[in-house]
Amino acid sequence: MTSPNTTPLPVVNQTYQQQHPYGSHPPQQKKKRNKVIIVLVSLIVLALAATGVALAFLAKSYSDVERVSFHDPDLERPVVSTSGAVNILLLGSDSRDATDPELAGEDMTGFRSDAIMVAQISPDREHITIMSIMRDNWVEIEGHGEAKINAAFSYGGIPLAVNTIENFIGTRIDHGAIVDFQSFKG
């Protein structure tokens, strides 16, 4: 109940809106809010642009990888697999010259592979299996007789190394990579 001497209080929002025709916020607050929004949107656009540029440089660095053919048509190879699995040969080289961009695959001779691994990606692309091949396995190297498996790289470069490993494991290699000391320079 109200007493007869008190007057009802005015509704604050109605009174404020009547005094300020620009709405619920005075013009100074709207200008400040607009500036903050513009700055935030600008920062987001700059961040997205920087991310795009970084991704473009990263993609370019991967496309700059030199690709060489490592199959010699004169060498006997296992039959093509119909399973859909992808086999990747990873050779670790003890030479500092293995990634010389001037060398062709068959010219990368004179050094041995100190690490030999075959990675197989399953046909459904859900699993990867990696097998390490001991470099001291004695195998038949086509055209050179019996020797340690890592000598194939020294005798005939990438094509002979791939061929020797394919015949050793009984399946074709689809892709290969050579990793050496130059690969770790930053």
Protein backbone atom coordinates (compact mmCIF):
# COMPACT_ATOMS: atom_id res chain seq x y z
CA MET A 1 0.00 0.00 0.00
CA THR A 2 1.14 3.46 -0.69
CA SER A 3 0.82 6.34 1.69
CA PRO A 4 -1.02 9.42 0.50
CA ASN A 5 2.08 11.62 0.71
CA THR A 6 4.29 9.55 -1.65
CA THR A 7 4.28 9.86 -5.38
CA PRO A 8 4.91 6.87 -7.62
CA LEU A 9 8.47 6.55 -8.92
CA PRO A 10 8.89 7.00 -12.67
CA VAL A 11 9.93 3.99 -14.73
CA VAL A 12 13.67 4.41 -15.30
CA ASN A 13 13.79 3.13 -18.88
CA GLN A 14 10.96 5.33 -20.06
CA THR A 15 12.49 8.37 -18.43
CA TYR A 16 15.98 7.61 -19.87
CA GLN A 17 14.60 7.08 -23.37
CA GLN A 18 12.67 10.30 -23.18
CA GLN A 19 15.81 12.20 -22.16
CA HIS A 20 18.07 10.45 -24.75
CA PRO A 21 16.47 10.20 -28.21
CA TYR A 22 19.31 7.89 -29.50
CA GLY A 23 17.98 4.85 -27.70
CA SER A 24 19.19 3.04 -24.62
CA HIS A 25 22.87 4.05 -25.04
CA PRO A 26 24.26 7.53 -25.40
CA PRO A 27 26.10 8.28 -28.70
CA GLN A 28 29.56 8.11 -27.06
CA GLN A 29 28.99 4.49 -25.97
CA LYS A 30 27.75 3.49 -29.44
CA LYS A 31 30.82 5.02 -31.11
CA LYS A 32 33.13 3.24 -28.68
CA ARG A 33 31.35 -0.09 -29.22
CA ASN A 34 31.53 0.33 -33.02
CA LYS A 35 35.28 1.01 -32.83
CA VAL A 36 35.82 -2.11 -30.73
CA ILE A 37 33.82 -4.22 -33.21
CA ILE A 38 35.81 -2.83 -36.16
CA VAL A 39 39.11 -3.56 -34.42
CA LEU A 40 38.07 -7.12 -33.54
CA VAL A 41 36.82 -7.87 -37.05
CA SER A 42 40.06 -6.43 -38.50
CA LEU A 43 42.17 -8.62 -36.20
CA ILE A 44 40.20 -11.73 -37.18
CA VAL A 45 40.61 -10.93 -40.89
CA LEU A 46 44.37 -10.39 -40.41
CA ALA A 47 44.70 -13.66 -38.49
CA LEU A 48 42.85 -15.57 -41.23
CA ALA A 49 45.02 -13.96 -43.92
CA ALA A 50 48.22 -14.84 -42.03
CA THR A 51 47.02 -18.44 -41.61
CA GLY A 52 46.27 -18.65 -45.34
CA VAL A 53 49.73 -17.35 -46.24
CA ALA A 54 51.40 -19.80 -43.84
CA LEU A 55 49.43 -22.73 -45.29
CA ALA A 56 50.34 -21.65 -48.83
CA PHE A 57 54.05 -21.62 -47.95
CA LEU A 58 53.72 -25.02 -46.27
CA ALA A 59 51.98 -26.49 -49.32
CA LYS A 60 54.66 -25.04 -51.60
CA SER A 61 57.43 -26.56 -49.48
CA TYR A 62 55.88 -30.00 -49.92
CA SER A 63 55.48 -29.55 -53.66
CA ASP A 64 59.17 -28.59 -53.98
CA VAL A 65 60.22 -32.16 -53.17
CA GLU A 66 62.18 -33.52 -56.10
CA ARG A 67 60.68 -36.65 -57.52
CA VAL A 68 62.80 -39.24 -59.32
CA SER A 69 61.86 -42.46 -61.02
CA PHE A 70 63.14 -45.46 -59.13
CA HIS A 71 62.02 -48.26 -61.38
CA ASP A 72 64.43 -49.72 -63.91
CA PRO A 73 62.60 -51.52 -66.74
CA ASP A 74 65.55 -53.90 -67.15
CA LEU A 75 65.21 -55.28 -63.60
CA GLU A 76 62.83 -58.11 -62.71
CA ARG A 77 60.05 -57.02 -60.35
CA PRO A 78 57.36 -58.84 -58.35
CA VAL A 79 53.83 -58.93 -59.80
CA VAL A 80 51.55 -55.96 -59.18
CA SER A 81 49.43 -56.39 -56.06
CA THR A 82 45.67 -56.14 -56.51
CA SER A 83 44.98 -55.65 -52.79
CA GLY A 84 45.01 -51.84 -52.96
CA ALA A 85 47.65 -51.48 -50.24
CA VAL A 86 50.33 -48.82 -50.76
CA ASN A 87 53.96 -49.74 -50.01
CA ILE A 88 56.45 -46.97 -49.22
CA LEU A 89 60.19 -47.59 -48.97
CA LEU A 90 62.13 -45.40 -46.52
CA LEU A 91 65.89 -45.45 -46.93
CA GLY A 92 68.22 -43.78 -44.46
CA SER A 93 71.48 -42.80 -46.09
CA ASP A 94 74.86 -42.37 -44.44
CA SER A 95 75.90 -39.85 -47.11
CA ARG A 96 75.64 -36.10 -46.95
CA ASP A 97 75.17 -36.00 -50.75
CA ALA A 98 72.07 -38.20 -51.14
CA THR A 99 69.62 -35.34 -51.55
CA ASP A 100 71.79 -33.43 -54.01
CA PRO A 101 69.19 -32.01 -56.43
CA GLU A 102 71.60 -32.47 -59.33
CA LEU A 103 71.71 -36.27 -58.93
CA ALA A 104 69.30 -38.61 -60.71
CA GLY A 105 68.04 -41.71 -58.90
CA GLU A 106 70.48 -44.07 -60.58
CA ASP A 107 73.36 -41.65 -59.92
CA MET A 108 72.96 -41.84 -56.16
CA THR A 109 75.60 -44.53 -55.75
CA GLY A 110 78.71 -45.03 -53.67
CA PHE A 111 77.08 -45.08 -50.26
CA ARG A 112 74.99 -47.54 -48.34
CA SER A 113 71.59 -47.25 -46.79
CA ASP A 114 71.98 -47.55 -43.04
CA ALA A 115 68.25 -47.80 -42.31
CA ILE A 116 65.70 -49.65 -44.45
CA MET A 117 62.01 -49.57 -43.64
CA VAL A 118 58.89 -50.44 -45.59
CA ALA A 119 55.63 -48.80 -44.56
CA GLN A 120 52.40 -50.32 -45.85
CA ILE A 121 49.15 -48.37 -45.82
CA SER A 122 46.18 -50.72 -45.72
CA PRO A 123 43.68 -50.76 -48.61
CA ASP A 124 41.03 -49.10 -46.42
CA ARG A 125 43.60 -46.43 -45.39
CA GLU A 126 42.86 -47.14 -41.73
CA HIS A 127 46.13 -48.81 -40.71
CA ILE A 128 49.84 -48.43 -41.28
CA THR A 129 52.31 -51.25 -40.77
CA ILE A 130 56.03 -50.51 -40.67
CA MET A 131 58.64 -53.18 -41.14
CA SER A 132 62.34 -52.61 -40.52
CA ILE A 133 64.75 -54.60 -42.66
CA MET A 134 68.15 -55.32 -41.15
CA ARG A 135 70.85 -53.85 -43.36
CA ASP A 136 73.11 -56.86 -42.88
CA ASN A 137 70.73 -59.38 -44.50
CA TRP A 138 72.55 -61.29 -47.24
CA VAL A 139 70.46 -61.31 -50.40
CA GLU A 140 70.80 -61.76 -54.15
CA ILE A 141 71.39 -58.38 -55.80
CA GLU A 142 70.48 -58.56 -59.47
CA GLY A 143 73.61 -58.34 -61.61
CA HIS A 144 75.96 -58.35 -58.60
CA GLY A 145 75.49 -61.71 -56.88
CA GLU A 146 75.10 -62.10 -53.13
CA ALA A 147 75.80 -59.18 -50.81
CA LYS A 148 74.36 -57.32 -47.85
CA ILE A 149 71.00 -55.77 -48.73
CA ASN A 150 72.25 -52.23 -48.08
CA ALA A 151 74.96 -52.63 -50.73
CA ALA A 152 72.31 -52.48 -53.49
CA PHE A 153 72.04 -48.72 -52.97
CA SER A 154 75.79 -48.41 -53.42
CA TYR A 155 75.89 -50.59 -56.55
CA GLY A 156 72.96 -49.19 -58.52
CA GLY A 157 71.37 -46.28 -56.71
CA ILE A 158 67.68 -46.08 -55.95
CA PRO A 159 66.44 -48.38 -58.76
CA LEU A 160 68.63 -51.32 -57.71
CA ALA A 161 67.91 -50.76 -54.00
CA VAL A 162 64.16 -50.76 -54.67
CA ASN A 163 64.42 -53.84 -56.88
CA THR A 164 66.47 -55.73 -54.30
CA ILE A 165 64.07 -54.90 -51.48
CA GLU A 166 61.03 -55.73 -53.65
CA ASN A 167 62.48 -59.16 -54.41
CA PHE A 168 63.43 -59.68 -50.76
CA ILE A 169 59.94 -58.95 -49.40
CA GLY A 170 58.07 -60.31 -52.45
CA THR A 171 55.93 -57.25 -53.17
CA ARG A 172 56.17 -54.07 -55.21
CA ILE A 173 57.19 -50.71 -53.78
CA ASP A 174 54.86 -47.87 -54.83
CA HIS A 175 56.72 -44.88 -53.40
CA GLY A 176 60.05 -44.20 -51.75
CA ALA A 177 61.91 -41.58 -49.76
CA ILE A 178 65.54 -41.06 -48.91
CA VAL A 179 66.34 -39.48 -45.57
CA ASP A 180 69.86 -38.25 -44.92
CA PHE A 181 71.69 -35.60 -42.91
CA GLN A 182 70.50 -32.82 -45.25
CA SER A 183 66.88 -33.73 -44.43
CA PHE A 184 67.37 -32.65 -40.84
CA LYS A 185 68.82 -29.21 -41.50
CA GLY A 186 66.42 -26.50 -40.44
